[in-house]
PDB file of N, CA and C in Angstrom:
ATOM      1  N   MET A   1     -87.612-156.247 -52.174  1.00  0.00           N
ATOM      2  CA  MET A   1     -87.257-157.387 -51.362  1.00  0.00           C
ATOM      3  C   MET A   1     -86.971-156.968 -49.902  1.00  0.00           C
ATOM      4  N   PHE A   2     -86.321-155.792 -49.747  1.00  0.00           N
ATOM      5  CA  PHE A   2     -85.957-155.302 -48.398  1.00  0.00           C
ATOM      6  C   PHE A   2     -87.229-155.169 -47.558  1.00  0.00           C
ATOM      7  N   ILE A   3     -88.314-154.673 -48.143  1.00  0.00           N
ATOM      8  CA  ILE A   3     -89.545-154.364 -47.369  1.00  0.00           C
ATOM      9  C   ILE A   3     -90.118-155.708 -46.840  1.00  0.00           C
ATOM     10  N   ILE A   4     -89.998-156.758 -47.614  1.00  0.00           N
ATOM     11  CA  ILE A   4     -90.501-158.058 -47.142  1.00  0.00           C
ATOM     12  C   ILE A   4     -89.696-158.519 -45.913  1.00  0.00           C
ATOM     13  N   TYR A   5     -88.352-158.460 -46.007  1.00  0.00           N
ATOM     14  CA  TYR A   5     -87.504-158.826 -44.856  1.00  0.00           C
ATOM     15  C   TYR A   5     -87.761-157.875 -43.693  1.00  0.00           C
ATOM     16  N   ASP A   6     -87.901-156.616 -43.984  1.00  0.00           N
ATOM     17  CA  ASP A   6     -88.118-155.616 -42.923  1.00  0.00           C
ATOM     18  C   ASP A   6     -89.384-155.904 -42.168  1.00  0.00           C
ATOM     19  N   ASP A   7     -90.460-156.257 -42.885  1.00  0.00           N
ATOM     20  CA  ASP A   7     -91.759-156.539 -42.215  1.00  0.00           C
ATOM     21  C   ASP A   7     -91.603-157.706 -41.252  1.00  0.00           C
ATOM     22  N   VAL A   8     -90.924-158.738 -41.690  1.00  0.00           N
ATOM     23  CA  VAL A   8     -90.687-159.929 -40.798  1.00  0.00           C
ATOM     24  C   VAL A   8     -89.833-159.535 -39.595  1.00  0.00           C
ATOM     25  N   ILE A   9     -88.797-158.804 -39.809  1.00  0.00           N
ATOM     26  CA  ILE A   9     -87.937-158.341 -38.728  1.00  0.00           C
ATOM     27  C   ILE A   9     -88.686-157.546 -37.699  1.00  0.00           C
ATOM     28  N   VAL A  10     -89.436-156.543 -38.155  1.00  0.00           N
ATOM     29  CA  VAL A  10     -90.167-155.716 -37.253  1.00  0.00           C
ATOM     30  C   VAL A  10     -91.234-156.547 -36.401  1.00  0.00           C
ATOM     31  N   LYS A  11     -91.950-157.427 -37.074  1.00  0.00           N
ATOM     32  CA  LYS A  11     -92.862-158.256 -36.344  1.00  0.00           C
ATOM     33  C   LYS A  11     -92.192-159.152 -35.277  1.00  0.00           C
ATOM     34  N   GLU A  12     -91.043-159.705 -35.614  1.00  0.00           N
ATOM     35  CA  GLU A  12     -90.333-160.551 -34.636  1.00  0.00           C
ATOM     36  C   GLU A  12     -89.758-159.692 -33.500  1.00  0.00           C
ATOM     37  N   ALA A  13     -89.260-158.505 -33.776  1.00  0.00           N
ATOM     38  CA  ALA A  13     -88.636-157.652 -32.771  1.00  0.00           C
ATOM     39  C   ALA A  13     -89.668-157.080 -31.852  1.00  0.00           C
ATOM     40  N   THR A  14     -90.849-156.772 -32.324  1.00  0.00           N
ATOM     41  CA  THR A  14     -91.860-156.069 -31.474  1.00  0.00           C
ATOM     42  C   THR A  14     -92.884-157.046 -30.803  1.00  0.00           C
ATOM     43  N   SER A  15     -93.025-158.245 -31.352  1.00  0.00           N
ATOM     44  CA  SER A  15     -93.991-159.208 -30.802  1.00  0.00           C
ATOM     45  C   SER A  15     -93.640-159.696 -29.448  1.00  0.00           C
ATOM     46  N   ILE A  16     -92.448-159.644 -29.049  1.00  0.00           N
ATOM     47  CA  ILE A  16     -91.991-160.137 -27.735  1.00  0.00           C
ATOM     48  C   ILE A  16     -91.969-159.039 -26.662  1.00  0.00           C
ATOM     49  N   SER A  17     -92.480-157.870 -26.997  1.00  0.00           N
ATOM     50  CA  SER A  17     -92.428-156.742 -26.056  1.00  0.00           C
ATOM     51  C   SER A  17     -93.728-156.070 -25.889  1.00  0.00           C
ATOM     52  N   GLU A  18     -94.065-155.670 -24.713  1.00  0.00           N
ATOM     53  CA  GLU A  18     -95.270-154.878 -24.401  1.00  0.00           C
ATOM     54  C   GLU A  18     -94.959-153.400 -24.265  1.00  0.00           C
ATOM     55  N   TRP A  19     -93.733-153.075 -24.548  1.00  0.00           N
ATOM     56  CA  TRP A  19     -93.294-151.609 -24.484  1.00  0.00           C
ATOM     57  C   TRP A  19     -93.917-150.865 -25.571  1.00  0.00           C
ATOM     58  N   GLY A  20     -94.147-149.610 -25.415  1.00  0.00           N
ATOM     59  CA  GLY A  20     -94.637-148.746 -26.430  1.00  0.00           C
ATOM     60  C   GLY A  20     -95.502-147.655 -25.875  1.00  0.00           C
ATOM     61  N   VAL A  21     -96.237-146.962 -26.708  1.00  0.00           N
ATOM     62  CA  VAL A  21     -97.163-145.971 -26.295  1.00  0.00           C
ATOM     63  C   VAL A  21     -98.529-146.595 -26.401  1.00  0.00           C
ATOM     64  N   HIS A  22     -99.263-146.623 -25.261  1.00  0.00           N
ATOM     65  CA  HIS A  22    -100.562-147.325 -25.268  1.00  0.00           C
ATOM     66  C   HIS A  22    -101.690-146.486 -25.794  1.00  0.00           C
ATOM     67  N   VAL A  23    -102.289-146.996 -26.781  1.00  0.00           N
ATOM     68  CA  VAL A  23    -103.464-146.363 -27.467  1.00  0.00           C
ATOM     69  C   VAL A  23    -104.608-147.317 -27.430  1.00  0.00           C
ATOM     70  N   VAL A  24    -105.689-146.957 -26.743  1.00  0.00           N
ATOM     71  CA  VAL A  24    -106.901-147.764 -26.659  1.00  0.00           C
ATOM     72  C   VAL A  24    -106.526-149.248 -26.193  1.00  0.00           C
ATOM     73  N   GLY A  25    -105.626-149.307 -25.232  1.00  0.00           N
ATOM     74  CA  GLY A  25    -105.290-150.582 -24.662  1.00  0.00           C
ATOM     75  C   GLY A  25    -104.275-151.431 -25.472  1.00  0.00           C
ATOM     76  N   GLU A  26    -103.822-150.919 -26.604  1.00  0.00           N
ATOM     77  CA  GLU A  26    -102.822-151.580 -27.410  1.00  0.00           C
ATOM     78  C   GLU A  26    -101.445-150.827 -27.388  1.00  0.00           C
ATOM     79  N   ALA A  27    -100.390-151.603 -27.302  1.00  0.00           N
ATOM     80  CA  ALA A  27     -99.096-150.955 -27.347  1.00  0.00           C
ATOM     81  C   ALA A  27     -98.639-150.699 -28.780  1.00  0.00           C
ATOM     82  N   VAL A  28     -98.472-149.452 -29.101  1.00  0.00           N
ATOM     83  CA  VAL A  28     -97.938-149.034 -30.432  1.00  0.00           C
ATOM     84  C   VAL A  28     -96.478-148.752 -30.199  1.00  0.00           C
ATOM     85  N   ASN A  29     -95.588-149.514 -30.844  1.00  0.00           N
ATOM     86  CA  ASN A  29     -94.186-149.307 -30.600  1.00  0.00           C
ATOM     87  C   ASN A  29     -93.355-149.156 -31.902  1.00  0.00           C
ATOM     88  N   MET A  30     -93.994-149.189 -33.071  1.00  0.00           N
ATOM     89  CA  MET A  30     -93.272-149.041 -34.294  1.00  0.00           C
ATOM     90  C   MET A  30     -94.142-148.355 -35.313  1.00  0.00           C
ATOM     91  N   ILE A  31     -93.615-147.349 -35.941  1.00  0.00           N
ATOM     92  CA  ILE A  31     -94.296-146.634 -37.053  1.00  0.00           C
ATOM     93  C   ILE A  31     -93.393-146.778 -38.266  1.00  0.00           C
ATOM     94  N   ILE A  32     -93.916-147.280 -39.349  1.00  0.00           N
ATOM     95  CA  ILE A  32     -93.120-147.584 -40.505  1.00  0.00           C
ATOM     96  C   ILE A  32     -93.708-146.824 -41.741  1.00  0.00           C
ATOM     97  N   TYR A  33     -92.771-146.235 -42.467  1.00  0.00           N
ATOM     98  CA  TYR A  33     -93.094-145.579 -43.730  1.00  0.00           C
ATOM     99  C   TYR A  33     -92.010-145.855 -44.713  1.00  0.00           C
ATOM    100  N   ALA A  34     -92.321-146.581 -45.735  1.00  0.00           N
ATOM    101  CA  ALA A  34     -91.348-147.005 -46.746  1.00  0.00           C
ATOM    102  C   ALA A  34     -90.173-147.715 -46.053  1.00  0.00           C
ATOM    103  N   ASP A  35     -88.991-147.168 -46.152  1.00  0.00           N
ATOM    104  CA  ASP A  35     -87.854-147.853 -45.529  1.00  0.00           C
ATOM    105  C   ASP A  35     -87.398-147.145 -44.272  1.00  0.00           C
ATOM    106  N   ASP A  36     -88.231-146.251 -43.728  1.00  0.00           N
ATOM    107  CA  ASP A  36     -87.955-145.551 -42.481  1.00  0.00           C
ATOM    108  C   ASP A  36     -88.805-146.167 -41.393  1.00  0.00           C
ATOM    109  N   GLU A  37     -88.186-146.291 -40.217  1.00  0.00           N
ATOM    110  CA  GLU A  37     -88.895-146.850 -39.044  1.00  0.00           C
ATOM    111  C   GLU A  37     -88.718-145.939 -37.858  1.00  0.00           C
ATOM    112  N   GLU A  38     -89.777-145.795 -37.137  1.00  0.00           N
ATOM    113  CA  GLU A  38     -89.755-145.036 -35.891  1.00  0.00           C
ATOM    114  C   GLU A  38     -90.148-145.964 -34.759  1.00  0.00           C
ATOM    115  N   VAL A  39     -89.311-146.062 -33.795  1.00  0.00           N
ATOM    116  CA  VAL A  39     -89.571-146.905 -32.643  1.00  0.00           C
ATOM    117  C   VAL A  39     -90.089-145.920 -31.578  1.00  0.00           C
ATOM    118  N   VAL A  40     -91.289-146.185 -30.985  1.00  0.00           N
ATOM    119  CA  VAL A  40     -91.838-145.239 -30.055  1.00  0.00           C
ATOM    120  C   VAL A  40     -92.109-145.946 -28.726  1.00  0.00           C
ATOM    121  N   CYS A  41     -91.881-145.170 -27.653  1.00  0.00           N
ATOM    122  CA  CYS A  41     -92.067-145.742 -26.322  1.00  0.00           C
ATOM    123  C   CYS A  41     -92.249-144.604 -25.311  1.00  0.00           C
ATOM    124  N   ASP A  42     -92.894-144.910 -24.224  1.00  0.00           N
ATOM    125  CA  ASP A  42     -93.083-143.901 -23.192  1.00  0.00           C
ATOM    126  C   ASP A  42     -91.981-143.849 -22.148  1.00  0.00           C
ATOM    127  N   THR A  43     -91.010-144.752 -22.226  1.00  0.00           N
ATOM    128  CA  THR A  43     -89.914-144.704 -21.270  1.00  0.00           C
ATOM    129  C   THR A  43     -88.591-144.980 -22.009  1.00  0.00           C
ATOM    130  N   GLN A  44     -87.497-144.483 -21.532  1.00  0.00           N
ATOM    131  CA  GLN A  44     -86.202-144.745 -22.118  1.00  0.00           C
ATOM    132  C   GLN A  44     -85.808-146.219 -22.003  1.00  0.00           C
ATOM    133  N   LYS A  45     -86.183-146.823 -20.885  1.00  0.00           N
ATOM    134  CA  LYS A  45     -85.866-148.276 -20.688  1.00  0.00           C
ATOM    135  C   LYS A  45     -86.583-149.100 -21.744  1.00  0.00           C
ATOM    136  N   GLY A  46     -87.836-148.786 -21.985  1.00  0.00           N
ATOM    137  CA  GLY A  46     -88.579-149.525 -22.998  1.00  0.00           C
ATOM    138  C   GLY A  46     -88.055-149.291 -24.423  1.00  0.00           C
ATOM    139  N   LEU A  47     -87.700-148.058 -24.719  1.00  0.00           N
ATOM    140  CA  LEU A  47     -87.105-147.746 -25.993  1.00  0.00           C
ATOM    141  C   LEU A  47     -85.838-148.472 -26.242  1.00  0.00           C
ATOM    142  N   GLN A  48     -84.985-148.524 -25.236  1.00  0.00           N
ATOM    143  CA  GLN A  48     -83.735-149.314 -25.330  1.00  0.00           C
ATOM    144  C   GLN A  48     -84.000-150.786 -25.613  1.00  0.00           C
ATOM    145  N   GLU A  49     -84.990-151.329 -24.858  1.00  0.00           N
ATOM    146  CA  GLU A  49     -85.281-152.747 -25.056  1.00  0.00           C
ATOM    147  C   GLU A  49     -85.810-153.013 -26.427  1.00  0.00           C
ATOM    148  N   LEU A  50     -86.683-152.150 -26.959  1.00  0.00           N
ATOM    149  CA  LEU A  50     -87.162-152.295 -28.315  1.00  0.00           C
ATOM    150  C   LEU A  50     -86.040-152.227 -29.299  1.00  0.00           C
ATOM    151  N   MET A  51     -85.150-151.297 -29.161  1.00  0.00           N
ATOM    152  CA  MET A  51     -83.968-151.159 -30.064  1.00  0.00           C
ATOM    153  C   MET A  51     -83.073-152.333 -29.995  1.00  0.00           C
ATOM    154  N   ASP A  52     -82.895-152.902 -28.740  1.00  0.00           N
ATOM    155  CA  ASP A  52     -82.077-154.119 -28.596  1.00  0.00           C
ATOM    156  C   ASP A  52     -82.693-155.295 -29.386  1.00  0.00           C
ATOM    157  N   ASN A  53     -84.039-155.441 -29.209  1.00  0.00           N
ATOM    158  CA  ASN A  53     -84.732-156.507 -29.951  1.00  0.00           C
ATOM    159  C   ASN A  53     -84.575-156.269 -31.455  1.00  0.00           C
ATOM    160  N   LEU A  54     -84.787-155.090 -31.905  1.00  0.00           N
ATOM    161  CA  LEU A  54     -84.695-154.769 -33.338  1.00  0.00           C
ATOM    162  C   LEU A  54     -83.286-155.073 -33.875  1.00  0.00           C
ATOM    163  N   ASN A  55     -82.293-154.635 -33.071  1.00  0.00           N
ATOM    164  CA  ASN A  55     -80.896-154.865 -33.465  1.00  0.00           C
ATOM    165  C   ASN A  55     -80.554-156.377 -33.573  1.00  0.00           C
ATOM    166  N   ARG A  56     -81.059-157.123 -32.577  1.00  0.00           N
ATOM    167  CA  ARG A  56     -80.821-158.564 -32.577  1.00  0.00           C
ATOM    168  C   ARG A  56     -81.440-159.227 -33.795  1.00  0.00           C
ATOM    169  N   GLU A  57     -82.676-158.837 -34.096  1.00  0.00           N
ATOM    170  CA  GLU A  57     -83.387-159.462 -35.217  1.00  0.00           C
ATOM    171  C   GLU A  57     -82.739-159.085 -36.525  1.00  0.00           C
ATOM    172  N   THR A  58     -82.275-157.799 -36.676  1.00  0.00           N
ATOM    173  CA  THR A  58     -81.673-157.384 -37.925  1.00  0.00           C
ATOM    174  C   THR A  58     -80.336-158.186 -38.166  1.00  0.00           C
ATOM    175  N   LYS A  59     -79.640-158.449 -37.121  1.00  0.00           N
ATOM    176  CA  LYS A  59     -78.399-159.160 -37.265  1.00  0.00           C
ATOM    177  C   LYS A  59     -78.635-160.621 -37.819  1.00  0.00           C
ATOM    178  N   GLU A  60     -79.786-161.189 -37.383  1.00  0.00           N
ATOM    179  CA  GLU A  60     -80.120-162.551 -37.874  1.00  0.00           C
ATOM    180  C   GLU A  60     -80.294-162.556 -39.336  1.00  0.00           C
ATOM    181  N   TYR A  61     -80.726-161.447 -39.906  1.00  0.00           N
ATOM    182  CA  TYR A  61     -80.917-161.349 -41.360  1.00  0.00           C
ATOM    183  C   TYR A  61     -79.764-160.670 -42.066  1.00  0.00           C
ATOM    184  N   ARG A  62     -78.683-160.510 -41.368  1.00  0.00           N
ATOM    185  CA  ARG A  62     -77.438-159.856 -41.875  1.00  0.00           C
ATOM    186  C   ARG A  62     -77.717-158.446 -42.335  1.00  0.00           C
ATOM    187  N   ILE A  63     -78.465-157.722 -41.581  1.00  0.00           N
ATOM    188  CA  ILE A  63     -78.727-156.295 -41.846  1.00  0.00           C
ATOM    189  C   ILE A  63     -78.272-155.551 -40.626  1.00  0.00           C
ATOM    190  N   LYS A  64     -77.643-154.355 -40.833  1.00  0.00           N
ATOM    191  CA  LYS A  64     -77.108-153.619 -39.739  1.00  0.00           C
ATOM    192  C   LYS A  64     -77.799-152.227 -39.623  1.00  0.00           C
ATOM    193  N   ILE A  65     -78.164-151.890 -38.384  1.00  0.00           N
ATOM    194  CA  ILE A  65     -78.683-150.615 -38.081  1.00  0.00           C
ATOM    195  C   ILE A  65     -77.593-149.568 -38.100  1.00  0.00           C
ATOM    196  N   ASN A  66     -77.716-148.500 -38.817  1.00  0.00           N
ATOM    197  CA  ASN A  66     -76.698-147.471 -38.923  1.00  0.00           C
ATOM    198  C   ASN A  66     -76.895-146.564 -37.692  1.00  0.00           C
ATOM    199  N   ALA A  67     -75.941-146.739 -36.715  1.00  0.00           N
ATOM    200  CA  ALA A  67     -76.034-145.949 -35.471  1.00  0.00           C
ATOM    201  C   ALA A  67     -75.792-144.510 -35.658  1.00  0.00           C
ATOM    202  N   ILE A  68     -75.057-144.087 -36.709  1.00  0.00           N
ATOM    203  CA  ILE A  68     -74.799-142.696 -37.016  1.00  0.00           C
ATOM    204  C   ILE A  68     -76.114-142.002 -37.528  1.00  0.00           C
ATOM    205  N   LYS A  69     -76.928-142.717 -38.257  1.00  0.00           N
ATOM    206  CA  LYS A  69     -78.138-142.155 -38.782  1.00  0.00           C
ATOM    207  C   LYS A  69     -79.314-142.218 -37.789  1.00  0.00           C
ATOM    208  N   THR A  70     -79.157-143.004 -36.750  1.00  0.00           N
ATOM    209  CA  THR A  70     -80.221-143.185 -35.778  1.00  0.00           C
ATOM    210  C   THR A  70     -80.281-141.947 -34.877  1.00  0.00           C
ATOM    211  N   LYS A  71     -81.462-141.404 -34.745  1.00  0.00           N
ATOM    212  CA  LYS A  71     -81.726-140.190 -33.924  1.00  0.00           C
ATOM    213  C   LYS A  71     -82.715-140.517 -32.846  1.00  0.00           C
ATOM    214  N   VAL A  72     -82.688-139.795 -31.752  1.00  0.00           N
ATOM    215  CA  VAL A  72     -83.634-139.950 -30.656  1.00  0.00           C
ATOM    216  C   VAL A  72     -84.311-138.571 -30.409  1.00  0.00           C
ATOM    217  N   MET A  73     -85.595-138.604 -30.329  1.00  0.00           N
ATOM    218  CA  MET A  73     -86.326-137.394 -30.009  1.00  0.00           C
ATOM    219  C   MET A  73     -87.233-137.649 -28.806  1.00  0.00           C
ATOM    220  N   CYS A  74     -87.199-136.750 -27.852  1.00  0.00           N
ATOM    221  CA  CYS A  74     -87.967-136.853 -26.662  1.00  0.00           C
ATOM    222  C   CYS A  74     -89.048-135.813 -26.622  1.00  0.00           C
ATOM    223  N   ILE A  75     -90.285-136.189 -26.536  1.00  0.00           N
ATOM    224  CA  ILE A  75     -91.374-135.277 -26.516  1.00  0.00           C
ATOM    225  C   ILE A  75     -92.100-135.402 -25.121  1.00  0.00           C
ATOM    226  N   SER A  76     -92.342-134.230 -24.506  1.00  0.00           N
ATOM    227  CA  SER A  76     -92.980-134.253 -23.217  1.00  0.00           C
ATOM    228  C   SER A  76     -93.749-132.949 -22.977  1.00  0.00           C
ATOM    229  N   LYS A  77     -94.755-133.101 -22.132  1.00  0.00           N
ATOM    230  CA  LYS A  77     -95.510-131.893 -21.729  1.00  0.00           C
ATOM    231  C   LYS A  77     -94.798-131.159 -20.611  1.00  0.00           C
ATOM    232  N   LYS A  78     -93.784-131.751 -20.053  1.00  0.00           N
ATOM    233  CA  LYS A  78     -93.043-131.095 -18.990  1.00  0.00           C
ATOM    234  C   LYS A  78     -92.120-130.008 -19.580  1.00  0.00           C
ATOM    235  N   GLU A  79     -91.977-128.948 -18.785  1.00  0.00           N
ATOM    236  CA  GLU A  79     -91.096-127.862 -19.250  1.00  0.00           C
ATOM    237  C   GLU A  79     -89.600-128.270 -19.038  1.00  0.00           C
ATOM    238  N   GLY A  80     -88.793-127.635 -19.788  1.00  0.00           N
ATOM    239  CA  GLY A  80     -87.332-127.926 -19.691  1.00  0.00           C
ATOM    240  C   GLY A  80     -86.950-128.950 -20.744  1.00  0.00           C
ATOM    241  N   SER A  81     -85.679-129.104 -20.935  1.00  0.00           N
ATOM    242  CA  SER A  81     -85.206-130.036 -21.953  1.00  0.00           C
ATOM    243  C   SER A  81     -85.032-131.461 -21.347  1.00  0.00           C
ATOM    244  N   LEU A  82     -85.554-132.367 -22.002  1.00  0.00           N
ATOM    245  CA  LEU A  82     -85.418-133.782 -21.639  1.00  0.00           C
ATOM    246  C   LEU A  82     -84.464-134.471 -22.619  1.00  0.00           C
ATOM    247  N   GLN A  83     -83.652-135.355 -22.164  1.00  0.00           N
ATOM    248  CA  GLN A  83     -82.846-136.055 -23.045  1.00  0.00           C
ATOM    249  C   GLN A  83     -83.015-137.526 -22.936  1.00  0.00           C
ATOM    250  N   ALA A  84     -82.918-138.249 -24.009  1.00  0.00           N
ATOM    251  CA  ALA A  84     -82.968-139.706 -23.991  1.00  0.00           C
ATOM    252  C   ALA A  84     -81.854-140.226 -24.865  1.00  0.00           C
ATOM    253  N   TYR A  85     -81.364-141.300 -24.544  1.00  0.00           N
ATOM    254  CA  TYR A  85     -80.222-141.973 -25.286  1.00  0.00           C
ATOM    255  C   TYR A  85     -80.626-143.376 -25.664  1.00  0.00           C
ATOM    256  N   VAL A  86     -80.169-143.838 -26.803  1.00  0.00           N
ATOM    257  CA  VAL A  86     -80.379-145.165 -27.208  1.00  0.00           C
ATOM    258  C   VAL A  86     -78.998-145.671 -27.719  1.00  0.00           C
ATOM    259  N   TYR A  87     -78.639-146.884 -27.315  1.00  0.00           N
ATOM    260  CA  TYR A  87     -77.337-147.428 -27.683  1.00  0.00           C
ATOM    261  C   TYR A  87     -77.552-148.622 -28.605  1.00  0.00           C
ATOM    262  N   ILE A  88     -76.786-148.689 -29.670  1.00  0.00           N
ATOM    263  CA  ILE A  88     -76.756-149.813 -30.651  1.00  0.00           C
ATOM    264  C   ILE A  88     -75.376-150.342 -30.587  1.00  0.00           C
ATOM    265  N   ASP A  89     -75.266-151.579 -30.111  1.00  0.00           N
ATOM    266  CA  ASP A  89     -73.994-152.243 -29.982  1.00  0.00           C
ATOM    267  C   ASP A  89     -72.989-151.382 -29.204  1.00  0.00           C
ATOM    268  N   GLY A  90     -73.424-150.734 -28.193  1.00  0.00           N
ATOM    269  CA  GLY A  90     -72.552-149.979 -27.302  1.00  0.00           C
ATOM    270  C   GLY A  90     -72.259-148.574 -27.847  1.00  0.00           C
ATOM    271  N   GLN A  91     -72.812-148.185 -28.922  1.00  0.00           N
ATOM    272  CA  GLN A  91     -72.499-146.837 -29.497  1.00  0.00           C
ATOM    273  C   GLN A  91     -73.626-145.912 -29.166  1.00  0.00           C
TER     274      GLN A  91
END
């Protein structure tokens, strides 16, 4: 049952945004495997907007994103360490 709700939530959260990683002219912003979801974007601003959308939609279905289990990974061709932050309800 969760996967059915999750599919609807993800579609609603991502359909209103053009943020993501562009592949062949399409914005890819969510990768889903079972009950795990990866939100992907090429900017921190876009990532935060996608997470805000996802958080808002999950609340409408009375589901809560676990901020403690949420991790951020930054991948770049640039040398040095890059950091990105995502906030869920101010955390």
